[in-house]
């Protein structure tokens, strides 16, 4: 019984996140905003969490599940790349260099930001 409750809570939380995303996509389209609806949804959800209008417990389990399964969301795009085999044969090395260098930039900047946030948290704790 407890397992069913936990699973249903997670499904409900994922549904909340899904409907926030859909609503922000519609809003972005209706208002002709240059910001994608998914980014707008992240901003709105972050703002609601920071202002305590939405409690973290209301979406935390669903968000953690989505983050844990994030790799699965990239499978369709990886399969879609297979349509471009001729382009990969001619420009594959250049594309690989761009992918590796951009990955390194993201990893390094994420690491530096994490260190800065960690130091800030440590200084506030003292």
PDB file of N, CA and C in Angstrom:
ATOM      1  N   UNK A   1       0.823  -1.202   0.000  1.00  0.00           N
ATOM      2  CA  UNK A   1       0.000   0.000   0.000  1.00  0.00           C
ATOM      3  C   UNK A   1       0.860   1.257   0.000  1.00  0.00           C
ATOM      4  N   UNK A   2       1.911   1.246   0.804  1.00  0.00           N
ATOM      5  CA  UNK A   2       2.786   2.408   0.902  1.00  0.00           C
ATOM      6  C   UNK A   2       3.506   2.667  -0.415  1.00  0.00           C
ATOM      7  N   UNK A   3       3.889   1.602  -1.118  1.00  0.00           N
ATOM      8  CA  UNK A   3       4.570   1.741  -2.405  1.00  0.00           C
ATOM      9  C   UNK A   3       3.653   2.397  -3.430  1.00  0.00           C
ATOM     10  N   UNK A   4       2.395   1.995  -3.428  1.00  0.00           N
ATOM     11  CA  UNK A   4       1.424   2.587  -4.362  1.00  0.00           C
ATOM     12  C   UNK A   4       1.277   4.081  -4.083  1.00  0.00           C
ATOM     13  N   UNK A   5       1.263   4.447  -2.819  1.00  0.00           N
ATOM     14  CA  UNK A   5       1.129   5.856  -2.446  1.00  0.00           C
ATOM     15  C   UNK A   5       2.344   6.662  -2.919  1.00  0.00           C
ATOM     16  N   UNK A   6       3.526   6.105  -2.739  1.00  0.00           N
ATOM     17  CA  UNK A   6       4.752   6.788  -3.163  1.00  0.00           C
ATOM     18  C   UNK A   6       4.774   6.960  -4.681  1.00  0.00           C
ATOM     19  N   UNK A   7       4.422   5.889  -5.402  1.00  0.00           N
ATOM     20  CA  UNK A   7       4.430   5.954  -6.869  1.00  0.00           C
ATOM     21  C   UNK A   7       3.386   6.942  -7.370  1.00  0.00           C
ATOM     22  N   UNK A   8       2.190   6.900  -6.784  1.00  0.00           N
ATOM     23  CA  UNK A   8       1.148   7.829  -7.241  1.00  0.00           C
ATOM     24  C   UNK A   8       1.516   9.276  -6.931  1.00  0.00           C
ATOM     25  N   UNK A   9       2.187   9.496  -5.819  1.00  0.00           N
ATOM     26  CA  UNK A   9       2.651  10.852  -5.484  1.00  0.00           C
ATOM     27  C   UNK A   9       3.654  11.331  -6.535  1.00  0.00           C
ATOM     28  N   UNK A  10       4.592  10.454  -6.925  1.00  0.00           N
ATOM     29  CA  UNK A  10       5.577  10.810  -7.939  1.00  0.00           C
ATOM     30  C   UNK A  10       4.936  11.094  -9.287  1.00  0.00           C
ATOM     31  N   UNK A  11       3.963  10.268  -9.663  1.00  0.00           N
ATOM     32  CA  UNK A  11       3.267  10.471 -10.935  1.00  0.00           C
ATOM     33  C   UNK A  11       2.514  11.800 -10.918  1.00  0.00           C
ATOM     34  N   UNK A  12       1.870  12.105  -9.799  1.00  0.00           N
ATOM     35  CA  UNK A  12       1.147  13.369  -9.676  1.00  0.00           C
ATOM     36  C   UNK A  12       2.098  14.559  -9.785  1.00  0.00           C
ATOM     37  N   UNK A  13       3.264  14.455  -9.163  1.00  0.00           N
ATOM     38  CA  UNK A  13       4.238  15.545  -9.221  1.00  0.00           C
ATOM     39  C   UNK A  13       4.789  15.724 -10.632  1.00  0.00           C
ATOM     40  N   UNK A  14       5.033  14.625 -11.337  1.00  0.00           N
ATOM     41  CA  UNK A  14       5.483  14.725 -12.729  1.00  0.00           C
ATOM     42  C   UNK A  14       4.393  15.383 -13.570  1.00  0.00           C
ATOM     43  N   UNK A  15       3.130  15.046 -13.281  1.00  0.00           N
ATOM     44  CA  UNK A  15       2.009  15.662 -14.003  1.00  0.00           C
ATOM     45  C   UNK A  15       1.966  17.165 -13.759  1.00  0.00           C
ATOM     46  N   UNK A  16       2.219  17.590 -12.531  1.00  0.00           N
ATOM     47  CA  UNK A  16       2.264  19.028 -12.227  1.00  0.00           C
ATOM     48  C   UNK A  16       3.340  19.705 -13.072  1.00  0.00           C
ATOM     49  N   UNK A  17       4.530  19.114 -13.087  1.00  0.00           N
ATOM     50  CA  UNK A  17       5.631  19.692 -13.871  1.00  0.00           C
ATOM     51  C   UNK A  17       5.297  19.696 -15.361  1.00  0.00           C
ATOM     52  N   UNK A  18       4.652  18.646 -15.828  1.00  0.00           N
ATOM     53  CA  UNK A  18       4.261  18.553 -17.227  1.00  0.00           C
ATOM     54  C   UNK A  18       3.267  19.656 -17.587  1.00  0.00           C
ATOM     55  N   UNK A  19       2.260  19.855 -16.741  1.00  0.00           N
ATOM     56  CA  UNK A  19       1.247  20.865 -17.040  1.00  0.00           C
ATOM     57  C   UNK A  19       1.804  22.287 -16.934  1.00  0.00           C
ATOM     58  N   UNK A  20       2.764  22.509 -16.042  1.00  0.00           N
ATOM     59  CA  UNK A  20       3.436  23.815 -15.995  1.00  0.00           C
ATOM     60  C   UNK A  20       4.171  24.045 -17.312  1.00  0.00           C
ATOM     61  N   UNK A  21       4.852  23.008 -17.797  1.00  0.00           N
ATOM     62  CA  UNK A  21       5.578  23.116 -19.059  1.00  0.00           C
ATOM     63  C   UNK A  21       4.636  23.394 -20.229  1.00  0.00           C
ATOM     64  N   UNK A  22       3.539  22.654 -20.298  1.00  0.00           N
ATOM     65  CA  UNK A  22       2.564  22.850 -21.382  1.00  0.00           C
ATOM     66  C   UNK A  22       1.967  24.254 -21.318  1.00  0.00           C
ATOM     67  N   UNK A  23       1.609  24.691 -20.113  1.00  0.00           N
ATOM     68  CA  UNK A  23       1.010  26.027 -19.957  1.00  0.00           C
ATOM     69  C   UNK A  23       1.984  27.114 -20.397  1.00  0.00           C
ATOM     70  N   UNK A  24       3.249  26.973 -20.049  1.00  0.00           N
ATOM     71  CA  UNK A  24       4.233  27.992 -20.424  1.00  0.00           C
ATOM     72  C   UNK A  24       4.521  27.954 -21.923  1.00  0.00           C
ATOM     73  N   UNK A  25       4.469  26.762 -22.534  1.00  0.00           N
ATOM     74  CA  UNK A  25       4.605  26.674 -23.996  1.00  0.00           C
ATOM     75  C   UNK A  25       3.467  27.427 -24.678  1.00  0.00           C
ATOM     76  N   UNK A  26       2.245  27.218 -24.189  1.00  0.00           N
ATOM     77  CA  UNK A  26       1.080  27.919 -24.754  1.00  0.00           C
ATOM     78  C   UNK A  26       1.207  29.419 -24.552  1.00  0.00           C
ATOM     79  N   UNK A  27       1.610  29.843 -23.351  1.00  0.00           N
ATOM     80  CA  UNK A  27       1.765  31.271 -23.055  1.00  0.00           C
ATOM     81  C   UNK A  27       2.827  31.909 -23.946  1.00  0.00           C
ATOM     82  N   UNK A  28       3.928  31.206 -24.121  1.00  0.00           N
ATOM     83  CA  UNK A  28       4.996  31.705 -24.973  1.00  0.00           C
ATOM     84  C   UNK A  28       4.526  31.874 -26.409  1.00  0.00           C
ATOM     85  N   UNK A  29       3.737  30.923 -26.877  1.00  0.00           N
ATOM     86  CA  UNK A  29       3.200  30.986 -28.240  1.00  0.00           C
ATOM     87  C   UNK A  29       2.181  32.116 -28.378  1.00  0.00           C
ATOM     88  N   UNK A  30       1.274  32.202 -27.409  1.00  0.00           N
ATOM     89  CA  UNK A  30       0.223  33.231 -27.460  1.00  0.00           C
ATOM     90  C   UNK A  30       0.790  34.651 -27.426  1.00  0.00           C
ATOM     91  N   UNK A  31       1.817  34.849 -26.587  1.00  0.00           N
ATOM     92  CA  UNK A  31       2.389  36.192 -26.434  1.00  0.00           C
ATOM     93  C   UNK A  31       3.531  36.459 -27.403  1.00  0.00           C
ATOM     94  N   UNK A  32       3.850  35.490 -28.250  1.00  0.00           N
ATOM     95  CA  UNK A  32       4.929  35.611 -29.232  1.00  0.00           C
ATOM     96  C   UNK A  32       6.241  36.012 -28.547  1.00  0.00           C
ATOM     97  N   UNK A  33       6.523  35.356 -27.432  1.00  0.00           N
ATOM     98  CA  UNK A  33       7.751  35.643 -26.688  1.00  0.00           C
ATOM     99  C   UNK A  33       8.948  34.982 -27.367  1.00  0.00           C
ATOM    100  N   UNK A  34      10.108  35.634 -27.321  1.00  0.00           N
ATOM    101  CA  UNK A  34      11.298  35.016 -27.914  1.00  0.00           C
ATOM    102  C   UNK A  34      11.916  33.941 -27.018  1.00  0.00           C
ATOM    103  N   UNK A  35      11.315  33.706 -25.854  1.00  0.00           N
ATOM    104  CA  UNK A  35      11.811  32.705 -24.905  1.00  0.00           C
ATOM    105  C   UNK A  35      11.009  31.422 -25.099  1.00  0.00           C
ATOM    106  N   UNK A  36      11.677  30.273 -25.223  1.00  0.00           N
ATOM    107  CA  UNK A  36      10.935  29.015 -25.338  1.00  0.00           C
ATOM    108  C   UNK A  36      10.096  28.764 -24.088  1.00  0.00           C
ATOM    109  N   UNK A  37       8.983  28.097 -24.268  1.00  0.00           N
ATOM    110  CA  UNK A  37       8.091  27.827 -23.149  1.00  0.00           C
ATOM    111  C   UNK A  37       8.737  27.000 -22.057  1.00  0.00           C
ATOM    112  N   UNK A  38       9.623  26.088 -22.413  1.00  0.00           N
ATOM    113  CA  UNK A  38      10.286  25.265 -21.402  1.00  0.00           C
ATOM    114  C   UNK A  38      11.160  26.115 -20.487  1.00  0.00           C
ATOM    115  N   UNK A  39      11.861  27.080 -21.062  1.00  0.00           N
ATOM    116  CA  UNK A  39      12.693  27.974 -20.251  1.00  0.00           C
ATOM    117  C   UNK A  39      11.810  28.875 -19.399  1.00  0.00           C
ATOM    118  N   UNK A  40      10.741  29.363 -19.973  1.00  0.00           N
ATOM    119  CA  UNK A  40       9.784  30.181 -19.226  1.00  0.00           C
ATOM    120  C   UNK A  40       9.202  29.380 -18.058  1.00  0.00           C
ATOM    121  N   UNK A  41       8.906  28.106 -18.292  1.00  0.00           N
ATOM    122  CA  UNK A  41       8.391  27.240 -17.233  1.00  0.00           C
ATOM    123  C   UNK A  41       9.387  27.063 -16.106  1.00  0.00           C
ATOM    124  N   UNK A  42      10.665  26.909 -16.448  1.00  0.00           N
ATOM    125  CA  UNK A  42      11.704  26.786 -15.430  1.00  0.00           C
ATOM    126  C   UNK A  42      11.775  28.066 -14.597  1.00  0.00           C
ATOM    127  N   UNK A  43      11.715  29.204 -15.267  1.00  0.00           N
ATOM    128  CA  UNK A  43      11.778  30.489 -14.559  1.00  0.00           C
ATOM    129  C   UNK A  43      10.573  30.653 -13.635  1.00  0.00           C
ATOM    130  N   UNK A  44       9.389  30.329 -14.132  1.00  0.00           N
ATOM    131  CA  UNK A  44       8.168  30.460 -13.325  1.00  0.00           C
ATOM    132  C   UNK A  44       8.215  29.508 -12.135  1.00  0.00           C
ATOM    133  N   UNK A  45       8.599  28.249 -12.370  1.00  0.00           N
ATOM    134  CA  UNK A  45       8.671  27.283 -11.285  1.00  0.00           C
ATOM    135  C   UNK A  45       9.708  27.692 -10.247  1.00  0.00           C
ATOM    136  N   UNK A  46      10.855  28.175 -10.701  1.00  0.00           N
ATOM    137  CA  UNK A  46      11.892  28.646  -9.773  1.00  0.00           C
ATOM    138  C   UNK A  46      11.371  29.813  -8.936  1.00  0.00           C
ATOM    139  N   UNK A  47      10.691  30.755  -9.590  1.00  0.00           N
ATOM    140  CA  UNK A  47      10.144  31.905  -8.875  1.00  0.00           C
ATOM    141  C   UNK A  47       9.104  31.461  -7.845  1.00  0.00           C
ATOM    142  N   UNK A  48       8.236  30.544  -8.232  1.00  0.00           N
ATOM    143  CA  UNK A  48       7.216  30.049  -7.295  1.00  0.00           C
ATOM    144  C   UNK A  48       7.845  29.309  -6.119  1.00  0.00           C
ATOM    145  N   UNK A  49       8.917  28.575  -6.373  1.00  0.00           N
ATOM    146  CA  UNK A  49       9.608  27.886  -5.284  1.00  0.00           C
ATOM    147  C   UNK A  49      10.320  28.871  -4.358  1.00  0.00           C
ATOM    148  N   UNK A  50      10.965  29.883  -4.931  1.00  0.00           N
ATOM    149  CA  UNK A  50      11.690  30.867  -4.113  1.00  0.00           C
ATOM    150  C   UNK A  50      10.748  31.728  -3.280  1.00  0.00           C
ATOM    151  N   UNK A  51       9.569  32.025  -3.815  1.00  0.00           N
ATOM    152  CA  UNK A  51       8.604  32.843  -3.071  1.00  0.00           C
ATOM    153  C   UNK A  51       7.738  31.985  -2.144  1.00  0.00           C
ATOM    154  N   UNK A  52       8.031  30.681  -2.099  1.00  0.00           N
ATOM    155  CA  UNK A  52       7.314  29.732  -1.237  1.00  0.00           C
ATOM    156  C   UNK A  52       5.832  29.588  -1.589  1.00  0.00           C
ATOM    157  N   UNK A  53       5.447  29.981  -2.811  1.00  0.00           N
ATOM    158  CA  UNK A  53       4.073  29.769  -3.255  1.00  0.00           C
ATOM    159  C   UNK A  53       3.851  28.285  -3.555  1.00  0.00           C
ATOM    160  N   UNK A  54       4.920  27.612  -3.968  1.00  0.00           N
ATOM    161  CA  UNK A  54       4.918  26.160  -4.146  1.00  0.00           C
ATOM    162  C   UNK A  54       5.984  25.613  -3.209  1.00  0.00           C
ATOM    163  N   UNK A  55       5.623  24.615  -2.444  1.00  0.00           N
ATOM    164  CA  UNK A  55       6.596  23.984  -1.553  1.00  0.00           C
ATOM    165  C   UNK A  55       7.415  22.970  -2.345  1.00  0.00           C
ATOM    166  N   UNK A  56       8.681  22.860  -1.988  1.00  0.00           N
ATOM    167  CA  UNK A  56       9.573  21.929  -2.678  1.00  0.00           C
ATOM    168  C   UNK A  56       9.041  20.503  -2.585  1.00  0.00           C
ATOM    169  N   UNK A  57       8.450  20.152  -1.471  1.00  0.00           N
ATOM    170  CA  UNK A  57       7.923  18.796  -1.284  1.00  0.00           C
ATOM    171  C   UNK A  57       6.835  18.466  -2.295  1.00  0.00           C
ATOM    172  N   UNK A  58       6.180  19.467  -2.856  1.00  0.00           N
ATOM    173  CA  UNK A  58       5.104  19.233  -3.818  1.00  0.00           C
ATOM    174  C   UNK A  58       5.627  18.731  -5.161  1.00  0.00           C
ATOM    175  N   UNK A  59       6.882  19.004  -5.490  1.00  0.00           N
ATOM    176  CA  UNK A  59       7.430  18.603  -6.795  1.00  0.00           C
ATOM    177  C   UNK A  59       8.754  17.857  -6.697  1.00  0.00           C
ATOM    178  N   UNK A  60       9.295  17.712  -5.508  1.00  0.00           N
ATOM    179  CA  UNK A  60      10.646  17.176  -5.360  1.00  0.00           C
ATOM    180  C   UNK A  60      10.784  15.732  -5.834  1.00  0.00           C
ATOM    181  N   UNK A  61       9.898  14.861  -5.420  1.00  0.00           N
ATOM    182  CA  UNK A  61      10.006  13.448  -5.798  1.00  0.00           C
ATOM    183  C   UNK A  61       9.882  13.270  -7.307  1.00  0.00           C
ATOM    184  N   UNK A  62       8.924  13.948  -7.921  1.00  0.00           N
ATOM    185  CA  UNK A  62       8.760  13.858  -9.368  1.00  0.00           C
ATOM    186  C   UNK A  62       9.955  14.430 -10.116  1.00  0.00           C
ATOM    187  N   UNK A  63      10.474  15.554  -9.631  1.00  0.00           N
ATOM    188  CA  UNK A  63      11.636  16.170 -10.276  1.00  0.00           C
ATOM    189  C   UNK A  63      12.861  15.282 -10.142  1.00  0.00           C
ATOM    190  N   UNK A  64      13.040  14.663  -8.977  1.00  0.00           N
ATOM    191  CA  UNK A  64      14.184  13.750  -8.794  1.00  0.00           C
ATOM    192  C   UNK A  64      14.081  12.553  -9.721  1.00  0.00           C
ATOM    193  N   UNK A  65      12.866  12.039  -9.915  1.00  0.00           N
ATOM    194  CA  UNK A  65      12.696  10.913 -10.832  1.00  0.00           C
ATOM    195  C   UNK A  65      13.043  11.334 -12.264  1.00  0.00           C
ATOM    196  N   UNK A  66      12.552  12.516 -12.675  1.00  0.00           N
ATOM    197  CA  UNK A  66      12.848  12.993 -14.029  1.00  0.00           C
ATOM    198  C   UNK A  66      14.346  13.194 -14.223  1.00  0.00           C
ATOM    199  N   UNK A  67      15.027  13.726 -13.223  1.00  0.00           N
ATOM    200  CA  UNK A  67      16.476  13.910 -13.324  1.00  0.00           C
ATOM    201  C   UNK A  67      17.204  12.568 -13.388  1.00  0.00           C
ATOM    202  N   UNK A  68      16.717  11.584 -12.626  1.00  0.00           N
ATOM    203  CA  UNK A  68      17.353  10.268 -12.633  1.00  0.00           C
ATOM    204  C   UNK A  68      17.214   9.589 -13.995  1.00  0.00           C
ATOM    205  N   UNK A  69      16.115   9.848 -14.684  1.00  0.00           N
ATOM    206  CA  UNK A  69      15.859   9.215 -15.976  1.00  0.00           C
ATOM    207  C   UNK A  69      16.165  10.139 -17.152  1.00  0.00           C
ATOM    208  N   UNK A  70      16.905  11.194 -16.924  1.00  0.00           N
ATOM    209  CA  UNK A  70      17.170  12.207 -17.942  1.00  0.00           C
ATOM    210  C   UNK A  70      17.817  11.636 -19.199  1.00  0.00           C
ATOM    211  N   UNK A  71      18.674  10.671 -19.035  1.00  0.00           N
ATOM    212  CA  UNK A  71      19.365  10.088 -20.183  1.00  0.00           C
ATOM    213  C   UNK A  71      18.386   9.490 -21.192  1.00  0.00           C
ATOM    214  N   UNK A  72      17.277   8.935 -20.717  1.00  0.00           N
ATOM    215  CA  UNK A  72      16.291   8.348 -21.621  1.00  0.00           C
ATOM    216  C   UNK A  72      15.680   9.381 -22.561  1.00  0.00           C
ATOM    217  N   UNK A  73      15.620  10.635 -22.122  1.00  0.00           N
ATOM    218  CA  UNK A  73      15.020  11.671 -22.950  1.00  0.00           C
ATOM    219  C   UNK A  73      15.900  12.054 -24.139  1.00  0.00           C
ATOM    220  N   UNK A  74      17.157  11.628 -24.138  1.00  0.00           N
ATOM    221  CA  UNK A  74      18.059  11.949 -25.234  1.00  0.00           C
ATOM    222  C   UNK A  74      18.090  10.854 -26.301  1.00  0.00           C
ATOM    223  N   UNK A  75      17.468   9.714 -26.057  1.00  0.00           N
ATOM    224  CA  UNK A  75      17.485   8.618 -27.029  1.00  0.00           C
ATOM    225  C   UNK A  75      16.838   9.021 -28.350  1.00  0.00           C
ATOM    226  N   UNK A  76      15.658   9.673 -28.357  1.00  0.00           N
ATOM    227  CA  UNK A  76      15.071  10.050 -29.658  1.00  0.00           C
ATOM    228  C   UNK A  76      15.978  10.962 -30.483  1.00  0.00           C
ATOM    229  N   UNK A  77      16.651  11.896 -29.843  1.00  0.00           N
ATOM    230  CA  UNK A  77      17.533  12.779 -30.609  1.00  0.00           C
ATOM    231  C   UNK A  77      18.764  12.025 -31.102  1.00  0.00           C
ATOM    232  N   UNK A  78      19.248  11.063 -30.329  1.00  0.00           N
ATOM    233  CA  UNK A  78      20.395  10.267 -30.780  1.00  0.00           C
ATOM    234  C   UNK A  78      20.005   9.404 -31.975  1.00  0.00           C
ATOM    235  N   UNK A  79      18.800   8.862 -31.966  1.00  0.00           N
ATOM    236  CA  UNK A  79      18.322   8.076 -33.102  1.00  0.00           C
ATOM    237  C   UNK A  79      18.123   8.976 -34.317  1.00  0.00           C
ATOM    238  N   UNK A  80      17.653  10.201 -34.095  1.00  0.00           N
ATOM    239  CA  UNK A  80      17.446  11.151 -35.177  1.00  0.00           C
ATOM    240  C   UNK A  80      18.732  11.527 -35.893  1.00  0.00           C
ATOM    241  N   UNK A  81      19.854  11.467 -35.185  1.00  0.00           N
ATOM    242  CA  UNK A  81      21.152  11.790 -35.798  1.00  0.00           C
ATOM    243  C   UNK A  81      21.481  10.793 -36.909  1.00  0.00           C
ATOM    244  N   UNK A  82      20.970   9.597 -36.810  1.00  0.00           N
ATOM    245  CA  UNK A  82      21.256   8.563 -37.810  1.00  0.00           C
ATOM    246  C   UNK A  82      20.771   8.950 -39.206  1.00  0.00           C
ATOM    247  N   UNK A  83      19.856   9.892 -39.299  1.00  0.00           N
ATOM    248  CA  UNK A  83      19.391  10.360 -40.607  1.00  0.00           C
ATOM    249  C   UNK A  83      20.472  11.171 -41.325  1.00  0.00           C
ATOM    250  N   UNK A  84      21.488  11.591 -40.600  1.00  0.00           N
ATOM    251  CA  UNK A  84      22.501  12.485 -41.160  1.00  0.00           C
ATOM    252  C   UNK A  84      23.873  11.815 -41.299  1.00  0.00           C
ATOM    253  N   UNK A  85      23.873  10.530 -41.581  1.00  0.00           N
ATOM    254  CA  UNK A  85      25.137   9.800 -41.737  1.00  0.00           C
ATOM    255  C   UNK A  85      26.019  10.410 -42.821  1.00  0.00           C
ATOM    256  N   UNK A  86      25.487  10.786 -44.002  1.00  0.00           N
ATOM    257  CA  UNK A  86      26.364  11.394 -45.021  1.00  0.00           C
ATOM    258  C   UNK A  86      27.050  12.674 -44.518  1.00  0.00           C
ATOM    259  N   UNK A  87      26.319  13.497 -43.782  1.00  0.00           N
ATOM    260  CA  UNK A  87      26.922  14.717 -43.248  1.00  0.00           C
ATOM    261  C   UNK A  87      27.996  14.369 -42.215  1.00  0.00           C
ATOM    262  N   UNK A  88      27.758  13.345 -41.405  1.00  0.00           N
ATOM    263  CA  UNK A  88      28.746  12.933 -40.416  1.00  0.00           C
ATOM    264  C   UNK A  88      30.008  12.395 -41.090  1.00  0.00           C
ATOM    265  N   UNK A  89      29.841  11.751 -42.230  1.00  0.00           N
ATOM    266  CA  UNK A  89      31.003  11.225 -42.943  1.00  0.00           C
ATOM    267  C   UNK A  89      31.888  12.348 -43.470  1.00  0.00           C
ATOM    268  N   UNK A  90      31.284  13.457 -43.903  1.00  0.00           N
ATOM    269  CA  UNK A  90      32.084  14.554 -44.462  1.00  0.00           C
ATOM    270  C   UNK A  90      32.561  15.537 -43.398  1.00  0.00           C
ATOM    271  N   UNK A  91      31.707  15.844 -42.431  1.00  0.00           N
ATOM    272  CA  UNK A  91      32.045  16.865 -41.428  1.00  0.00           C
ATOM    273  C   UNK A  91      32.144  16.300 -40.016  1.00  0.00           C
ATOM    274  N   UNK A  92      32.261  14.997 -39.885  1.00  0.00           N
ATOM    275  CA  UNK A  92      32.246  14.350 -38.579  1.00  0.00           C
ATOM    276  C   UNK A  92      33.322  14.815 -37.624  1.00  0.00           C
ATOM    277  N   UNK A  93      34.547  15.021 -38.146  1.00  0.00           N
ATOM    278  CA  UNK A  93      35.652  15.428 -37.274  1.00  0.00           C
ATOM    279  C   UNK A  93      35.407  16.827 -36.717  1.00  0.00           C
ATOM    280  N   UNK A  94      34.959  17.740 -37.564  1.00  0.00           N
ATOM    281  CA  UNK A  94      34.668  19.105 -37.086  1.00  0.00           C
ATOM    282  C   UNK A  94      33.532  19.101 -36.075  1.00  0.00           C
ATOM    283  N   UNK A  95      32.503  18.299 -36.340  1.00  0.00           N
ATOM    284  CA  UNK A  95      31.380  18.214 -35.402  1.00  0.00           C
ATOM    285  C   UNK A  95      31.857  17.631 -34.074  1.00  0.00           C
ATOM    286  N   UNK A  96      32.695  16.613 -34.131  1.00  0.00           N
ATOM    287  CA  UNK A  96      33.226  15.996 -32.919  1.00  0.00           C
ATOM    288  C   UNK A  96      34.052  16.988 -32.106  1.00  0.00           C
ATOM    289  N   UNK A  97      34.849  17.798 -32.779  1.00  0.00           N
ATOM    290  CA  UNK A  97      35.643  18.815 -32.083  1.00  0.00           C
ATOM    291  C   UNK A  97      34.737  19.829 -31.387  1.00  0.00           C
ATOM    292  N   UNK A  98      33.677  20.256 -32.062  1.00  0.00           N
ATOM    293  CA  UNK A  98      32.739  21.213 -31.472  1.00  0.00           C
ATOM    294  C   UNK A  98      32.027  20.592 -30.275  1.00  0.00           C
ATOM    295  N   UNK A  99      31.602  19.350 -30.413  1.00  0.00           N
ATOM    296  CA  UNK A  99      30.893  18.675 -29.313  1.00  0.00           C
ATOM    297  C   UNK A  99      31.809  18.507 -28.104  1.00  0.00           C
ATOM    298  N   UNK A 100      33.023  18.065 -28.324  1.00  0.00           N
ATOM    299  CA  UNK A 100      33.958  17.861 -27.210  1.00  0.00           C
ATOM    300  C   UNK A 100      34.322  19.185 -26.559  1.00  0.00           C
ATOM    301  N   UNK A 101      34.633  20.203 -27.358  1.00  0.00           N
ATOM    302  CA  UNK A 101      35.011  21.489 -26.766  1.00  0.00           C
ATOM    303  C   UNK A 101      33.846  22.135 -26.028  1.00  0.00           C
ATOM    304  N   UNK A 102      32.636  22.063 -26.574  1.00  0.00           N
ATOM    305  CA  UNK A 102      31.494  22.653 -25.868  1.00  0.00           C
ATOM    306  C   UNK A 102      31.176  21.872 -24.594  1.00  0.00           C
ATOM    307  N   UNK A 103      31.359  20.560 -24.619  1.00  0.00           N
ATOM    308  CA  UNK A 103      31.159  19.758 -23.403  1.00  0.00           C
ATOM    309  C   UNK A 103      32.162  20.158 -22.337  1.00  0.00           C
ATOM    310  N   UNK A 104      33.400  20.356 -22.729  1.00  0.00           N
ATOM    311  CA  UNK A 104      34.418  20.779 -21.766  1.00  0.00           C
ATOM    312  C   UNK A 104      34.092  22.158 -21.184  1.00  0.00           C
ATOM    313  N   UNK A 105      33.641  23.073 -22.021  1.00  0.00           N
ATOM    314  CA  UNK A 105      33.281  24.408 -21.534  1.00  0.00           C
ATOM    315  C   UNK A 105      32.149  24.321 -20.518  1.00  0.00           C
ATOM    316  N   UNK A 106      31.145  23.507 -20.819  1.00  0.00           N
ATOM    317  CA  UNK A 106      30.013  23.352 -19.899  1.00  0.00           C
ATOM    318  C   UNK A 106      30.466  22.698 -18.591  1.00  0.00           C
ATOM    319  N   UNK A 107      31.298  21.670 -18.686  1.00  0.00           N
ATOM    320  CA  UNK A 107      31.767  20.986 -17.478  1.00  0.00           C
ATOM    321  C   UNK A 107      32.613  21.909 -16.610  1.00  0.00           C
ATOM    322  N   UNK A 108      33.511  22.653 -17.225  1.00  0.00           N
ATOM    323  CA  UNK A 108      34.377  23.555 -16.462  1.00  0.00           C
ATOM    324  C   UNK A 108      33.571  24.682 -15.836  1.00  0.00           C
ATOM    325  N   UNK A 109      32.675  25.294 -16.604  1.00  0.00           N
ATOM    326  CA  UNK A 109      31.879  26.391 -16.043  1.00  0.00           C
ATOM    327  C   UNK A 109      30.939  25.889 -14.952  1.00  0.00           C
ATOM    328  N   UNK A 110      30.355  24.707 -15.125  1.00  0.00           N
ATOM    329  CA  UNK A 110      29.494  24.133 -14.085  1.00  0.00           C
ATOM    330  C   UNK A 110      30.295  23.858 -12.819  1.00  0.00           C
ATOM    331  N   UNK A 111      31.479  23.327 -12.979  1.00  0.00           N
ATOM    332  CA  UNK A 111      32.345  23.070 -11.820  1.00  0.00           C
ATOM    333  C   UNK A 111      32.717  24.346 -11.091  1.00  0.00           C
ATOM    334  N   UNK A 112      33.086  25.382 -11.840  1.00  0.00           N
ATOM    335  CA  UNK A 112      33.445  26.654 -11.210  1.00  0.00           C
ATOM    336  C   UNK A 112      32.260  27.277 -10.486  1.00  0.00           C
ATOM    337  N   UNK A 113      31.091  27.195 -11.087  1.00  0.00           N
ATOM    338  CA  UNK A 113      29.892  27.734 -10.446  1.00  0.00           C
ATOM    339  C   UNK A 113      29.572  26.931  -9.183  1.00  0.00           C
ATOM    340  N   UNK A 114      29.700  25.607  -9.243  1.00  0.00           N
ATOM    341  CA  UNK A 114      29.434  24.767  -8.069  1.00  0.00           C
ATOM    342  C   UNK A 114      30.397  25.087  -6.930  1.00  0.00           C
ATOM    343  N   UNK A 115      31.667  25.302  -7.261  1.00  0.00           N
ATOM    344  CA  UNK A 115      32.641  25.663  -6.236  1.00  0.00           C
ATOM    345  C   UNK A 115      32.292  27.009  -5.620  1.00  0.00           C
ATOM    346  N   UNK A 116      31.919  27.969  -6.446  1.00  0.00           N
ATOM    347  CA  UNK A 116      31.560  29.295  -5.944  1.00  0.00           C
ATOM    348  C   UNK A 116      30.328  29.225  -5.033  1.00  0.00           C
ATOM    349  N   UNK A 117      29.323  28.459  -5.441  1.00  0.00           N
ATOM    350  CA  UNK A 117      28.118  28.307  -4.619  1.00  0.00           C
ATOM    351  C   UNK A 117      28.456  27.603  -3.313  1.00  0.00           C
ATOM    352  N   UNK A 118      29.293  26.583  -3.385  1.00  0.00           N
ATOM    353  CA  UNK A 118      29.690  25.850  -2.173  1.00  0.00           C
ATOM    354  C   UNK A 118      30.425  26.765  -1.197  1.00  0.00           C
ATOM    355  N   UNK A 119      31.335  27.601  -1.717  1.00  0.00           N
ATOM    356  CA  UNK A 119      32.059  28.535  -0.857  1.00  0.00           C
ATOM    357  C   UNK A 119      31.120  29.549  -0.233  1.00  0.00           C
ATOM    358  N   UNK A 120      30.144  29.998  -1.012  1.00  0.00           N
ATOM    359  CA  UNK A 120      29.173  30.973  -0.492  1.00  0.00           C
ATOM    360  C   UNK A 120      28.329  30.344   0.615  1.00  0.00           C
ATOM    361  N   UNK A 121      27.912  29.073   0.426  1.00  0.00           N
ATOM    362  CA  UNK A 121      27.133  28.384   1.451  1.00  0.00           C
ATOM    363  C   UNK A 121      27.966  28.187   2.715  1.00  0.00           C
ATOM    364  N   UNK A 122      29.239  27.818   2.525  1.00  0.00           N
ATOM    365  CA  UNK A 122      30.122  27.619   3.676  1.00  0.00           C
ATOM    366  C   UNK A 122      30.331  28.906   4.461  1.00  0.00           C
ATOM    367  N   UNK A 123      30.496  30.027   3.739  1.00  0.00           N
ATOM    368  CA  UNK A 123      30.707  31.299   4.448  1.00  0.00           C
ATOM    369  C   UNK A 123      29.452  31.759   5.170  1.00  0.00           C
ATOM    370  N   UNK A 124      28.262  31.437   4.638  1.00  0.00           N
ATOM    371  CA  UNK A 124      27.010  31.793   5.323  1.00  0.00           C
ATOM    372  C   UNK A 124      26.791  30.917   6.546  1.00  0.00           C
ATOM    373  N   UNK A 125      27.284  29.665   6.497  1.00  0.00           N
ATOM    374  CA  UNK A 125      27.094  28.740   7.611  1.00  0.00           C
ATOM    375  C   UNK A 125      27.946  29.150   8.816  1.00  0.00           C
ATOM    376  N   UNK A 126      29.028  29.848   8.578  1.00  0.00           N
ATOM    377  CA  UNK A 126      29.915  30.247   9.693  1.00  0.00           C
ATOM    378  C   UNK A 126      29.419  31.433  10.383  1.00  0.00           C
TER     379      UNK A 126
END
